[in-house]
Amino acid sequence: MIFGNRRIKQKDIAKELEISKERFQHIIADILGYRKVSARWVPRILTDEMKMQRKTTYAEPPKHYAEEGEEFIQRIVTGDESWVHHYDPESKRQSMEYRHKSSPSPRKFKVVASARKLMLTVFWDSEGIVHIEFLKQGNTVYSERYISTLRKLSVRLKRVRPTKHAILHHDNVRLHKSRQTEEALHKMNFVVLPHPSYSPDLAPSGFNLFPKIKGTPQRKPLRK
């Protein structure tokens, strides 16, 4: 019955089999090991072609690592953009505290993030932050502005990483893949590490840097 309709309700199965819902729950969960789960929201369902592109694109870095070792990792400079609110309230997880089981649960008022925010553009590598910029709300990051940022990054790299032949990594949003941007990268002699389509989960800033920045408790200042 479950294989025929995975959304079937417990009461319908129990009624059909003439057993109690408790008995059905015991059979389905404890004996058969099944549980009802919700679908997980994802930005896009990847086609087989997209999955193959991810596999092909990320088959190259291990080859370079095998040839160059840690030097390859140290050469990578990755960058991305994200909105940062002037004030982000503590999440429920951040406000967790130890209490005795007999103590009442703590309460807190629900506070929303501030309306004012800045667009953060940051480039970083295995040693730390290389270049950072803030753009006020209401302004737009377009190709010309991003190219200007890349020029500043190029100058910065020559000053703080003079011996490094940097490999640039950024995702393939339209801003990063526009004809003007690619021409500018070529003129600045940037080597670009490919990034597969519709794969924000593979951008290091998205799963590593930004969650740490936005998850920092507000009572503690961000380290410079």
N, C-alpha and C. Protein backbone atom coordinates (compact mmCIF):
# COMPACT_ATOMS: atom_id res chain seq x y z
N MET A 1 0.83 -1.21 0.00
CA MET A 1 0.00 0.00 0.00
C MET A 1 0.87 1.26 0.00
N ILE A 2 1.97 1.21 0.76
CA ILE A 2 2.87 2.36 0.80
C ILE A 2 3.56 2.55 -0.54
N PHE A 3 4.00 1.46 -1.16
CA PHE A 3 4.66 1.56 -2.45
C PHE A 3 3.71 2.11 -3.51
N GLY A 4 2.43 1.82 -3.38
CA GLY A 4 1.46 2.32 -4.34
C GLY A 4 1.13 3.78 -4.15
N ASN A 5 1.17 4.25 -2.92
CA ASN A 5 0.89 5.65 -2.61
C ASN A 5 1.69 6.05 -1.38
N ARG A 6 2.83 6.70 -1.60
CA ARG A 6 3.72 7.04 -0.49
C ARG A 6 3.19 8.19 0.36
N ARG A 7 2.08 8.80 -0.06
CA ARG A 7 1.48 9.88 0.74
C ARG A 7 0.22 9.42 1.47
N ILE A 8 -0.01 8.13 1.45
CA ILE A 8 -1.21 7.60 2.09
C ILE A 8 -1.18 7.89 3.59
N LYS A 9 -2.35 8.15 4.16
CA LYS A 9 -2.43 8.51 5.58
C LYS A 9 -2.47 7.26 6.47
N GLN A 10 -1.95 7.43 7.67
CA GLN A 10 -1.91 6.31 8.62
C GLN A 10 -3.30 5.77 8.90
N LYS A 11 -4.26 6.67 9.10
CA LYS A 11 -5.60 6.22 9.47
C LYS A 11 -6.25 5.40 8.35
N ASP A 12 -5.90 5.72 7.09
CA ASP A 12 -6.47 4.96 5.97
C ASP A 12 -5.91 3.55 5.92
N ILE A 13 -4.59 3.43 6.18
CA ILE A 13 -3.98 2.10 6.19
C ILE A 13 -4.51 1.29 7.37
N ALA A 14 -4.57 1.93 8.54
CA ALA A 14 -5.07 1.23 9.73
C ALA A 14 -6.50 0.75 9.53
N LYS A 15 -7.31 1.59 8.88
CA LYS A 15 -8.70 1.21 8.63
C LYS A 15 -8.77 0.05 7.65
N GLU A 16 -7.94 0.10 6.60
CA GLU A 16 -7.95 -0.96 5.59
C GLU A 16 -7.51 -2.29 6.18
N LEU A 17 -6.51 -2.26 7.07
CA LEU A 17 -5.99 -3.49 7.67
C LEU A 17 -6.72 -3.87 8.96
N GLU A 18 -7.63 -3.00 9.37
CA GLU A 18 -8.42 -3.24 10.57
C GLU A 18 -7.53 -3.40 11.81
N ILE A 19 -6.60 -2.46 11.95
CA ILE A 19 -5.74 -2.42 13.13
C ILE A 19 -5.74 -0.99 13.66
N SER A 20 -5.26 -0.82 14.88
CA SER A 20 -5.21 0.52 15.46
C SER A 20 -4.06 1.32 14.85
N LYS A 21 -4.15 2.64 14.95
CA LYS A 21 -3.07 3.49 14.44
C LYS A 21 -1.78 3.25 15.22
N GLU A 22 -1.90 2.96 16.51
CA GLU A 22 -0.71 2.68 17.32
C GLU A 22 -0.02 1.42 16.85
N ARG A 23 -0.82 0.39 16.53
CA ARG A 23 -0.25 -0.86 16.03
C ARG A 23 0.42 -0.65 14.68
N PHE A 24 -0.23 0.15 13.83
CA PHE A 24 0.36 0.45 12.52
C PHE A 24 1.68 1.20 12.69
N GLN A 25 1.71 2.19 13.60
CA GLN A 25 2.93 2.96 13.84
C GLN A 25 4.06 2.06 14.31
N HIS A 26 3.75 1.10 15.16
CA HIS A 26 4.76 0.16 15.64
C HIS A 26 5.31 -0.68 14.49
N ILE A 27 4.44 -1.16 13.62
CA ILE A 27 4.86 -2.00 12.50
C ILE A 27 5.71 -1.20 11.52
N ILE A 28 5.22 -0.03 11.13
CA ILE A 28 5.88 0.74 10.08
C ILE A 28 7.20 1.33 10.54
N ALA A 29 7.27 1.76 11.80
CA ALA A 29 8.48 2.44 12.29
C ALA A 29 9.45 1.48 12.95
N ASP A 30 8.96 0.66 13.87
CA ASP A 30 9.86 -0.19 14.66
C ASP A 30 10.25 -1.47 13.94
N ILE A 31 9.34 -2.04 13.16
CA ILE A 31 9.63 -3.32 12.51
C ILE A 31 10.18 -3.11 11.09
N LEU A 32 9.49 -2.30 10.29
CA LEU A 32 9.90 -2.10 8.90
C LEU A 32 10.92 -0.98 8.74
N GLY A 33 11.01 -0.08 9.71
CA GLY A 33 12.00 1.00 9.65
C GLY A 33 11.65 2.12 8.70
N TYR A 34 10.36 2.36 8.45
CA TYR A 34 9.94 3.44 7.57
C TYR A 34 9.51 4.64 8.40
N ARG A 35 9.65 5.83 7.81
CA ARG A 35 9.15 7.05 8.44
C ARG A 35 8.71 8.00 7.35
N LYS A 36 7.82 8.88 7.66
CA LYS A 36 7.30 9.83 6.68
C LYS A 36 8.13 11.11 6.74
N VAL A 37 8.64 11.53 5.60
CA VAL A 37 9.50 12.71 5.55
C VAL A 37 8.97 13.69 4.52
N SER A 38 9.33 14.95 4.70
CA SER A 38 8.95 16.00 3.75
C SER A 38 10.03 16.15 2.70
N ALA A 39 9.63 16.60 1.52
CA ALA A 39 10.61 16.88 0.47
C ALA A 39 11.44 18.08 0.87
N ARG A 40 12.70 18.08 0.49
CA ARG A 40 13.60 19.18 0.81
C ARG A 40 13.62 20.17 -0.34
N TRP A 41 13.42 21.45 -0.02
CA TRP A 41 13.44 22.48 -1.06
C TRP A 41 14.87 22.70 -1.53
N VAL A 42 15.07 22.72 -2.83
CA VAL A 42 16.38 22.98 -3.42
C VAL A 42 16.20 24.06 -4.48
N PRO A 43 17.25 24.87 -4.78
CA PRO A 43 17.11 25.94 -5.76
C PRO A 43 16.69 25.45 -7.13
N ARG A 44 17.16 24.29 -7.52
CA ARG A 44 16.85 23.75 -8.84
C ARG A 44 17.09 22.24 -8.84
N ILE A 45 16.22 21.52 -9.52
CA ILE A 45 16.43 20.09 -9.71
C ILE A 45 17.41 19.92 -10.87
N LEU A 46 18.56 19.33 -10.59
CA LEU A 46 19.59 19.16 -11.62
C LEU A 46 19.22 18.04 -12.58
N THR A 47 19.37 18.31 -13.87
CA THR A 47 19.17 17.29 -14.88
C THR A 47 20.40 16.38 -14.93
N ASP A 48 20.28 15.27 -15.64
CA ASP A 48 21.42 14.36 -15.78
C ASP A 48 22.60 15.07 -16.45
N GLU A 49 22.28 15.98 -17.39
CA GLU A 49 23.34 16.73 -18.08
C GLU A 49 24.06 17.66 -17.11
N MET A 50 23.30 18.33 -16.23
CA MET A 50 23.90 19.21 -15.24
C MET A 50 24.76 18.43 -14.25
N LYS A 51 24.28 17.26 -13.85
CA LYS A 51 25.05 16.42 -12.93
C LYS A 51 26.36 15.97 -13.57
N MET A 52 26.29 15.63 -14.85
CA MET A 52 27.51 15.22 -15.55
C MET A 52 28.49 16.39 -15.67
N GLN A 53 27.94 17.61 -15.87
CA GLN A 53 28.81 18.79 -15.95
C GLN A 53 29.52 19.01 -14.62
N ARG A 54 28.80 18.84 -13.51
CA ARG A 54 29.43 18.96 -12.18
C ARG A 54 30.56 17.95 -12.03
N LYS A 55 30.29 16.73 -12.45
CA LYS A 55 31.28 15.67 -12.32
C LYS A 55 32.51 15.97 -13.18
N THR A 56 32.26 16.42 -14.42
CA THR A 56 33.37 16.72 -15.34
C THR A 56 34.18 17.91 -14.85
N THR A 57 33.48 18.98 -14.42
CA THR A 57 34.16 20.19 -13.98
C THR A 57 35.05 19.92 -12.78
N TYR A 58 34.55 19.16 -11.83
CA TYR A 58 35.31 18.92 -10.60
C TYR A 58 36.19 17.68 -10.66
N ALA A 59 36.39 17.18 -11.88
CA ALA A 59 37.38 16.11 -12.05
C ALA A 59 38.77 16.71 -12.26
N GLU A 60 38.81 18.00 -12.66
CA GLU A 60 40.09 18.65 -12.94
C GLU A 60 40.88 19.03 -11.69
N PRO A 61 40.27 19.68 -10.68
CA PRO A 61 41.06 20.07 -9.49
C PRO A 61 41.85 18.95 -8.84
N PRO A 62 41.29 17.73 -8.68
CA PRO A 62 42.10 16.65 -8.09
C PRO A 62 43.35 16.33 -8.91
N LYS A 63 43.24 16.48 -10.24
CA LYS A 63 44.41 16.23 -11.09
C LYS A 63 45.50 17.26 -10.82
N HIS A 64 45.08 18.54 -10.73
CA HIS A 64 46.06 19.59 -10.43
C HIS A 64 46.66 19.40 -9.04
N TYR A 65 45.83 18.97 -8.10
CA TYR A 65 46.32 18.75 -6.74
C TYR A 65 47.33 17.61 -6.71
N ALA A 66 47.09 16.58 -7.51
CA ALA A 66 48.02 15.45 -7.57
C ALA A 66 49.37 15.88 -8.13
N GLU A 67 49.35 16.87 -9.04
CA GLU A 67 50.58 17.34 -9.66
C GLU A 67 51.30 18.38 -8.80
N GLU A 68 50.54 19.30 -8.17
CA GLU A 68 51.14 20.43 -7.46
C GLU A 68 51.08 20.31 -5.94
N GLY A 69 50.22 19.44 -5.43
CA GLY A 69 50.08 19.31 -3.98
C GLY A 69 49.43 20.53 -3.36
N GLU A 70 49.85 20.87 -2.14
CA GLU A 70 49.25 21.98 -1.40
C GLU A 70 49.43 23.33 -2.10
N GLU A 71 50.43 23.44 -2.94
CA GLU A 71 50.66 24.70 -3.65
C GLU A 71 49.44 25.07 -4.51
N PHE A 72 48.78 24.05 -5.08
CA PHE A 72 47.59 24.31 -5.90
C PHE A 72 46.48 24.92 -5.04
N ILE A 73 46.25 24.36 -3.86
CA ILE A 73 45.22 24.89 -2.96
C ILE A 73 45.56 26.31 -2.54
N GLN A 74 46.83 26.57 -2.25
CA GLN A 74 47.26 27.88 -1.78
C GLN A 74 47.14 28.96 -2.86
N ARG A 75 47.12 28.55 -4.12
CA ARG A 75 47.00 29.51 -5.22
C ARG A 75 45.57 29.99 -5.45
N ILE A 76 44.60 29.23 -4.97
CA ILE A 76 43.20 29.54 -5.26
C ILE A 76 42.73 30.74 -4.43
N VAL A 77 42.16 31.73 -5.12
CA VAL A 77 41.53 32.88 -4.48
C VAL A 77 40.06 32.85 -4.88
N THR A 78 39.19 32.67 -3.92
CA THR A 78 37.76 32.56 -4.22
C THR A 78 37.01 33.80 -3.76
N GLY A 79 35.96 34.15 -4.46
CA GLY A 79 35.21 35.36 -4.12
C GLY A 79 33.73 35.21 -4.38
N ASP A 80 32.94 36.05 -3.70
CA ASP A 80 31.49 36.01 -3.87
C ASP A 80 30.88 37.26 -3.24
N GLU A 81 29.57 37.43 -3.44
CA GLU A 81 28.85 38.57 -2.87
C GLU A 81 27.71 38.06 -1.99
N SER A 82 27.36 38.86 -0.98
CA SER A 82 26.22 38.53 -0.12
C SER A 82 25.74 39.78 0.61
N TRP A 83 24.43 39.84 0.85
CA TRP A 83 23.87 40.94 1.63
C TRP A 83 24.17 40.74 3.11
N VAL A 84 24.59 41.79 3.78
CA VAL A 84 24.87 41.74 5.21
C VAL A 84 24.05 42.84 5.89
N HIS A 85 23.19 42.45 6.82
CA HIS A 85 22.36 43.43 7.54
C HIS A 85 23.19 44.19 8.57
N HIS A 86 22.81 45.45 8.81
CA HIS A 86 23.48 46.24 9.85
C HIS A 86 23.33 45.57 11.20
N TYR A 87 22.17 44.92 11.41
CA TYR A 87 21.97 44.19 12.66
C TYR A 87 21.23 42.90 12.36
N ASP A 88 21.81 41.77 12.78
CA ASP A 88 21.19 40.46 12.65
C ASP A 88 20.94 39.93 14.06
N PRO A 89 19.69 39.70 14.43
CA PRO A 89 19.42 39.20 15.79
C PRO A 89 19.94 37.79 15.99
N GLU A 90 20.14 37.43 17.25
CA GLU A 90 20.56 36.08 17.57
C GLU A 90 19.51 35.07 17.12
N SER A 91 19.97 33.95 16.60
CA SER A 91 19.06 32.86 16.28
C SER A 91 18.73 32.10 17.56
N LYS A 92 17.73 31.23 17.50
CA LYS A 92 17.37 30.43 18.67
C LYS A 92 18.55 29.55 19.09
N ARG A 93 19.28 29.05 18.10
CA ARG A 93 20.42 28.18 18.40
C ARG A 93 21.52 28.95 19.12
N GLN A 94 21.77 30.20 18.68
CA GLN A 94 22.82 31.01 19.30
C GLN A 94 22.47 31.39 20.73
N SER A 95 21.17 31.46 21.04
CA SER A 95 20.77 31.90 22.38
C SER A 95 20.56 30.72 23.34
N MET A 96 20.91 29.51 22.91
CA MET A 96 20.75 28.35 23.79
C MET A 96 21.65 28.48 25.01
N GLU A 97 21.17 28.02 26.17
CA GLU A 97 21.94 28.10 27.41
C GLU A 97 21.61 26.89 28.28
N TYR A 98 22.55 26.55 29.16
CA TYR A 98 22.35 25.41 30.04
C TYR A 98 21.33 25.77 31.13
N ARG A 99 20.36 24.89 31.33
CA ARG A 99 19.37 25.03 32.39
C ARG A 99 19.12 23.66 33.02
N HIS A 100 18.83 23.66 34.31
CA HIS A 100 18.45 22.41 34.97
C HIS A 100 17.09 21.97 34.44
N LYS A 101 16.88 20.66 34.38
CA LYS A 101 15.64 20.15 33.81
C LYS A 101 14.40 20.63 34.55
N SER A 102 14.57 21.04 35.79
CA SER A 102 13.43 21.55 36.57
C SER A 102 13.22 23.05 36.37
N SER A 103 14.18 23.71 35.69
CA SER A 103 14.08 25.16 35.48
C SER A 103 13.13 25.45 34.32
N PRO A 104 12.43 26.58 34.36
CA PRO A 104 11.55 26.95 33.25
C PRO A 104 12.36 27.30 32.01
N SER A 105 11.78 27.09 30.85
CA SER A 105 12.47 27.40 29.60
C SER A 105 12.62 28.91 29.46
N PRO A 106 13.78 29.39 28.98
CA PRO A 106 13.96 30.83 28.79
C PRO A 106 13.09 31.35 27.66
N ARG A 107 12.75 32.62 27.71
CA ARG A 107 11.96 33.24 26.66
C ARG A 107 12.72 34.43 26.09
N LYS A 108 12.44 34.73 24.84
CA LYS A 108 13.05 35.90 24.21
C LYS A 108 12.09 36.47 23.19
N PHE A 109 12.17 37.79 23.01
CA PHE A 109 11.32 38.44 22.04
C PHE A 109 11.84 38.16 20.63
N LYS A 110 10.92 38.04 19.70
CA LYS A 110 11.31 37.84 18.32
C LYS A 110 11.72 39.17 17.71
N VAL A 111 12.93 39.25 17.21
CA VAL A 111 13.47 40.48 16.62
C VAL A 111 13.85 40.20 15.17
N VAL A 112 13.46 41.09 14.29
CA VAL A 112 13.77 40.90 12.87
C VAL A 112 15.07 41.62 12.53
N ALA A 113 15.69 41.18 11.45
CA ALA A 113 16.93 41.81 10.99
C ALA A 113 16.63 43.25 10.56
N SER A 114 17.63 44.11 10.67
CA SER A 114 17.45 45.51 10.30
C SER A 114 17.18 45.63 8.81
N ALA A 115 16.40 46.66 8.44
CA ALA A 115 16.08 46.87 7.03
C ALA A 115 17.31 47.33 6.25
N ARG A 116 18.19 48.04 6.92
CA ARG A 116 19.39 48.56 6.25
C ARG A 116 20.41 47.43 6.10
N LYS A 117 21.03 47.38 4.94
CA LYS A 117 22.00 46.33 4.68
C LYS A 117 23.01 46.79 3.65
N LEU A 118 24.11 46.06 3.56
CA LEU A 118 25.19 46.35 2.62
C LEU A 118 25.48 45.10 1.80
N MET A 119 25.90 45.31 0.56
CA MET A 119 26.36 44.20 -0.26
C MET A 119 27.85 43.99 0.01
N LEU A 120 28.18 42.83 0.52
CA LEU A 120 29.57 42.49 0.82
C LEU A 120 30.17 41.70 -0.34
N THR A 121 31.29 42.18 -0.86
CA THR A 121 32.06 41.45 -1.86
C THR A 121 33.41 41.13 -1.24
N VAL A 122 33.76 39.86 -1.21
CA VAL A 122 34.99 39.46 -0.53
C VAL A 122 35.72 38.39 -1.33
N PHE A 123 37.04 38.52 -1.35
CA PHE A 123 37.91 37.52 -1.96
C PHE A 123 38.88 37.03 -0.89
N TRP A 124 39.07 35.73 -0.82
CA TRP A 124 39.92 35.16 0.23
C TRP A 124 40.60 33.89 -0.27
N ASP A 125 41.64 33.51 0.45
CA ASP A 125 42.38 32.29 0.10
C ASP A 125 42.70 31.52 1.37
N SER A 126 43.60 30.56 1.28
CA SER A 126 43.91 29.71 2.42
C SER A 126 44.58 30.47 3.56
N GLU A 127 45.11 31.67 3.28
CA GLU A 127 45.78 32.47 4.32
C GLU A 127 44.85 33.48 4.98
N GLY A 128 43.73 33.79 4.34
CA GLY A 128 42.81 34.76 4.92
C GLY A 128 42.19 35.68 3.87
N ILE A 129 41.65 36.81 4.33
CA ILE A 129 40.99 37.77 3.45
C ILE A 129 42.04 38.49 2.60
N VAL A 130 41.77 38.57 1.30
CA VAL A 130 42.68 39.27 0.38
C VAL A 130 42.12 40.65 0.04
N HIS A 131 40.83 40.72 -0.28
CA HIS A 131 40.22 42.00 -0.66
C HIS A 131 38.75 41.98 -0.25
N ILE A 132 38.26 43.13 0.23
CA ILE A 132 36.88 43.22 0.68
C ILE A 132 36.31 44.58 0.32
N GLU A 133 35.04 44.61 -0.10
CA GLU A 133 34.36 45.85 -0.46
C GLU A 133 32.92 45.80 0.04
N PHE A 134 32.37 46.98 0.33
CA PHE A 134 30.97 47.09 0.72
C PHE A 134 30.25 48.03 -0.24
N LEU A 135 29.05 47.66 -0.63
CA LEU A 135 28.24 48.48 -1.52
C LEU A 135 26.93 48.81 -0.81
N LYS A 136 26.59 50.10 -0.75
CA LYS A 136 25.39 50.52 -0.03
C LYS A 136 24.12 50.01 -0.71
N GLN A 137 23.08 49.80 0.10
CA GLN A 137 21.80 49.35 -0.40
C GLN A 137 21.26 50.35 -1.41
N GLY A 138 20.68 49.85 -2.49
CA GLY A 138 20.15 50.71 -3.54
C GLY A 138 21.05 50.75 -4.74
N ASN A 139 22.34 50.45 -4.55
CA ASN A 139 23.27 50.35 -5.66
C ASN A 139 23.26 48.93 -6.21
N THR A 140 23.69 48.79 -7.45
CA THR A 140 23.66 47.50 -8.12
C THR A 140 25.07 47.08 -8.52
N VAL A 141 25.37 45.80 -8.33
CA VAL A 141 26.64 45.27 -8.79
C VAL A 141 26.46 44.83 -10.24
N TYR A 142 26.99 45.58 -11.17
CA TYR A 142 26.90 45.23 -12.58
C TYR A 142 28.30 44.93 -13.10
N SER A 143 28.42 44.57 -14.37
CA SER A 143 29.70 44.10 -14.90
C SER A 143 30.82 45.11 -14.72
N GLU A 144 30.55 46.40 -15.04
CA GLU A 144 31.60 47.40 -14.94
C GLU A 144 32.09 47.54 -13.50
N ARG A 145 31.17 47.51 -12.56
CA ARG A 145 31.56 47.64 -11.16
C ARG A 145 32.35 46.41 -10.70
N TYR A 146 31.93 45.23 -11.16
CA TYR A 146 32.64 44.01 -10.78
C TYR A 146 34.03 43.99 -11.38
N ILE A 147 34.16 44.47 -12.61
CA ILE A 147 35.47 44.55 -13.26
C ILE A 147 36.38 45.50 -12.48
N SER A 148 35.81 46.61 -12.00
CA SER A 148 36.59 47.54 -11.18
C SER A 148 37.08 46.85 -9.91
N THR A 149 36.23 46.01 -9.32
CA THR A 149 36.62 45.26 -8.12
C THR A 149 37.74 44.28 -8.46
N LEU A 150 37.65 43.63 -9.61
CA LEU A 150 38.69 42.68 -10.02
C LEU A 150 40.03 43.38 -10.23
N ARG A 151 39.99 44.60 -10.75
CA ARG A 151 41.24 45.35 -10.93
C ARG A 151 41.88 45.65 -9.57
N LYS A 152 41.05 46.04 -8.60
CA LYS A 152 41.57 46.29 -7.25
C LYS A 152 42.13 45.00 -6.65
N LEU A 153 41.45 43.88 -6.92
CA LEU A 153 41.93 42.59 -6.43
C LEU A 153 43.28 42.26 -7.04
N SER A 154 43.44 42.52 -8.33
CA SER A 154 44.71 42.24 -9.01
C SER A 154 45.85 43.03 -8.38
N VAL A 155 45.60 44.31 -8.12
CA VAL A 155 46.62 45.16 -7.48
C VAL A 155 46.92 44.66 -6.08
N ARG A 156 45.87 44.31 -5.37
CA ARG A 156 46.04 43.82 -3.99
C ARG A 156 46.85 42.53 -3.95
N LEU A 157 46.59 41.63 -4.88
CA LEU A 157 47.32 40.36 -4.92
C LEU A 157 48.82 40.58 -5.14
N LYS A 158 49.15 41.54 -6.00
CA LYS A 158 50.56 41.82 -6.28
C LYS A 158 51.26 42.35 -5.03
N ARG A 159 50.48 42.99 -4.16
CA ARG A 159 51.09 43.56 -2.96
C ARG A 159 51.16 42.56 -1.81
N VAL A 160 50.10 41.78 -1.58
CA VAL A 160 50.07 40.90 -0.41
C VAL A 160 50.42 39.45 -0.73
N ARG A 161 50.34 39.05 -2.00
CA ARG A 161 50.71 37.70 -2.41
C ARG A 161 51.62 37.77 -3.64
N PRO A 162 52.76 38.46 -3.52
CA PRO A 162 53.59 38.73 -4.70
C PRO A 162 54.15 37.49 -5.37
N THR A 163 54.34 36.41 -4.63
CA THR A 163 54.93 35.20 -5.22
C THR A 163 53.88 34.21 -5.69
N LYS A 164 52.63 34.54 -5.49
CA LYS A 164 51.55 33.60 -5.83
C LYS A 164 51.02 33.86 -7.23
N HIS A 165 50.96 32.82 -8.06
CA HIS A 165 50.29 32.90 -9.36
C HIS A 165 48.84 32.48 -9.12
N ALA A 166 48.02 33.46 -8.78
CA ALA A 166 46.68 33.17 -8.27
C ALA A 166 45.77 32.52 -9.31
N ILE A 167 44.93 31.62 -8.82
CA ILE A 167 43.86 31.02 -9.62
C ILE A 167 42.55 31.56 -9.05
N LEU A 168 41.78 32.27 -9.87
CA LEU A 168 40.54 32.88 -9.40
C LEU A 168 39.39 31.88 -9.47
N HIS A 169 38.61 31.82 -8.41
CA HIS A 169 37.40 31.00 -8.41
C HIS A 169 36.21 31.85 -8.00
N HIS A 170 35.20 31.88 -8.85
CA HIS A 170 33.90 32.48 -8.49
C HIS A 170 32.82 31.68 -9.22
N ASP A 171 31.58 31.78 -8.74
CA ASP A 171 30.53 31.00 -9.37
C ASP A 171 30.17 31.60 -10.73
N ASN A 172 29.24 30.97 -11.43
CA ASN A 172 28.97 31.41 -12.80
C ASN A 172 27.64 32.14 -12.94
N VAL A 173 27.34 33.04 -12.00
CA VAL A 173 26.19 33.92 -12.18
C VAL A 173 26.47 34.83 -13.37
N ARG A 174 25.42 35.43 -13.90
CA ARG A 174 25.56 36.22 -15.13
C ARG A 174 26.61 37.32 -15.00
N LEU A 175 26.66 37.94 -13.83
CA LEU A 175 27.63 39.01 -13.58
C LEU A 175 29.06 38.52 -13.78
N HIS A 176 29.36 37.31 -13.33
CA HIS A 176 30.72 36.78 -13.41
C HIS A 176 31.05 36.20 -14.79
N LYS A 177 30.00 35.85 -15.55
CA LYS A 177 30.23 35.18 -16.83
C LYS A 177 29.93 36.07 -18.03
N SER A 178 29.68 37.35 -17.80
CA SER A 178 29.38 38.24 -18.92
C SER A 178 30.59 38.39 -19.83
N ARG A 179 30.34 38.77 -21.06
CA ARG A 179 31.43 38.92 -22.03
C ARG A 179 32.43 39.96 -21.56
N GLN A 180 31.93 41.09 -21.01
CA GLN A 180 32.84 42.14 -20.53
C GLN A 180 33.74 41.63 -19.40
N THR A 181 33.15 40.85 -18.48
CA THR A 181 33.93 40.33 -17.36
C THR A 181 35.00 39.36 -17.84
N GLU A 182 34.63 38.46 -18.74
CA GLU A 182 35.59 37.46 -19.22
C GLU A 182 36.72 38.12 -20.01
N GLU A 183 36.39 39.16 -20.79
CA GLU A 183 37.44 39.88 -21.53
C GLU A 183 38.38 40.58 -20.55
N ALA A 184 37.83 41.18 -19.51
CA ALA A 184 38.66 41.87 -18.51
C ALA A 184 39.56 40.88 -17.78
N LEU A 185 39.04 39.72 -17.43
CA LEU A 185 39.84 38.69 -16.76
C LEU A 185 40.99 38.24 -17.64
N HIS A 186 40.72 38.13 -18.93
CA HIS A 186 41.77 37.72 -19.87
C HIS A 186 42.87 38.79 -19.95
N LYS A 187 42.47 40.07 -19.99
CA LYS A 187 43.45 41.15 -20.07
C LYS A 187 44.29 41.24 -18.79
N MET A 188 43.68 40.88 -17.65
CA MET A 188 44.41 40.93 -16.38
C MET A 188 45.18 39.63 -16.11
N ASN A 189 45.14 38.73 -17.09
CA ASN A 189 45.89 37.45 -17.00
C ASN A 189 45.45 36.58 -15.82
N PHE A 190 44.17 36.65 -15.48
CA PHE A 190 43.64 35.78 -14.43
C PHE A 190 43.40 34.38 -14.99
N VAL A 191 43.86 33.37 -14.26
CA VAL A 191 43.49 31.98 -14.55
C VAL A 191 42.25 31.69 -13.72
N VAL A 192 41.17 31.24 -14.37
CA VAL A 192 39.89 31.04 -13.68
C VAL A 192 39.60 29.56 -13.52
N LEU A 193 39.28 29.17 -12.30
CA LEU A 193 38.90 27.79 -12.01
C LEU A 193 37.42 27.63 -12.36
N PRO A 194 37.07 26.71 -13.26
CA PRO A 194 35.68 26.56 -13.70
C PRO A 194 34.75 26.20 -12.54
N HIS A 195 33.50 26.65 -12.68
CA HIS A 195 32.47 26.34 -11.67
C HIS A 195 31.24 25.84 -12.42
N PRO A 196 30.68 24.68 -12.04
CA PRO A 196 29.52 24.13 -12.77
C PRO A 196 28.27 24.97 -12.58
N SER A 197 27.36 24.87 -13.54
CA SER A 197 26.11 25.64 -13.51
C SER A 197 25.22 25.21 -12.36
N TYR A 198 24.47 26.18 -11.83
CA TYR A 198 23.47 25.94 -10.79
C TYR A 198 24.04 25.15 -9.62
N SER A 199 25.20 25.56 -9.16
CA SER A 199 25.87 24.84 -8.06
C SER A 199 26.36 25.80 -6.99
N PRO A 200 25.46 26.61 -6.40
CA PRO A 200 25.91 27.52 -5.33
C PRO A 200 26.44 26.78 -4.11
N ASP A 201 26.03 25.51 -3.97
CA ASP A 201 26.48 24.72 -2.82
C ASP A 201 27.96 24.38 -2.90
N LEU A 202 28.57 24.60 -4.08
CA LEU A 202 29.99 24.29 -4.26
C LEU A 202 30.86 25.54 -4.16
N ALA A 203 30.25 26.70 -3.88
CA ALA A 203 31.02 27.94 -3.73
C ALA A 203 31.48 28.05 -2.28
N PRO A 204 32.79 28.05 -2.02
CA PRO A 204 33.30 28.07 -0.63
C PRO A 204 32.77 29.20 0.23
N SER A 205 32.57 30.38 -0.36
CA SER A 205 32.06 31.49 0.45
C SER A 205 30.65 31.19 0.94
N GLY A 206 29.87 30.52 0.11
CA GLY A 206 28.49 30.23 0.45
C GLY A 206 28.34 29.23 1.58
N PHE A 207 29.18 28.20 1.59
CA PHE A 207 29.02 27.17 2.63
C PHE A 207 30.05 27.29 3.75
N ASN A 208 31.02 28.20 3.62
CA ASN A 208 32.06 28.31 4.65
C ASN A 208 32.11 29.70 5.27
N LEU A 209 32.43 30.70 4.47
CA LEU A 209 32.69 32.04 5.01
C LEU A 209 31.43 32.77 5.47
N PHE A 210 30.45 32.92 4.58
CA PHE A 210 29.27 33.72 4.91
C PHE A 210 28.47 33.18 6.10
N PRO A 211 28.26 31.87 6.21
CA PRO A 211 27.55 31.38 7.41
C PRO A 211 28.27 31.73 8.70
N LYS A 212 29.61 31.74 8.68
CA LYS A 212 30.36 32.08 9.88
C LYS A 212 30.23 33.57 10.21
N ILE A 213 30.25 34.41 9.17
CA ILE A 213 30.11 35.85 9.39
C ILE A 213 28.73 36.17 9.94
N LYS A 214 27.70 35.62 9.29
CA LYS A 214 26.32 35.92 9.69
C LYS A 214 25.92 35.20 10.97
N GLY A 215 26.66 34.15 11.32
CA GLY A 215 26.33 33.40 12.53
C GLY A 215 27.07 33.88 13.75
N THR A 216 27.92 34.91 13.60
CA THR A 216 28.66 35.44 14.75
C THR A 216 27.70 36.13 15.71
N PRO A 217 27.70 35.76 16.99
CA PRO A 217 26.80 36.42 17.96
C PRO A 217 26.98 37.93 17.95
N GLN A 218 25.88 38.67 18.02
CA GLN A 218 25.92 40.12 17.89
C GLN A 218 26.60 40.80 19.07
N ARG A 219 26.70 40.12 20.19
CA ARG A 219 27.36 40.78 21.33
C ARG A 219 28.88 40.73 21.20
N LYS A 220 29.38 40.00 20.19
CA LYS A 220 30.82 39.93 19.97
C LYS A 220 31.16 40.64 18.67
N PRO A 221 32.15 41.54 18.67
CA PRO A 221 32.51 42.22 17.44
C PRO A 221 33.21 41.27 16.49
N LEU A 222 33.00 41.51 15.18
CA LEU A 222 33.71 40.72 14.18
C LEU A 222 35.19 41.02 14.23
N ARG A 223 36.00 39.99 14.11
CA ARG A 223 37.45 40.20 14.09
C ARG A 223 37.86 40.80 12.77
N LYS A 224 38.82 41.69 12.84
CA LYS A 224 39.31 42.32 11.62
C LYS A 224 40.22 41.35 10.89
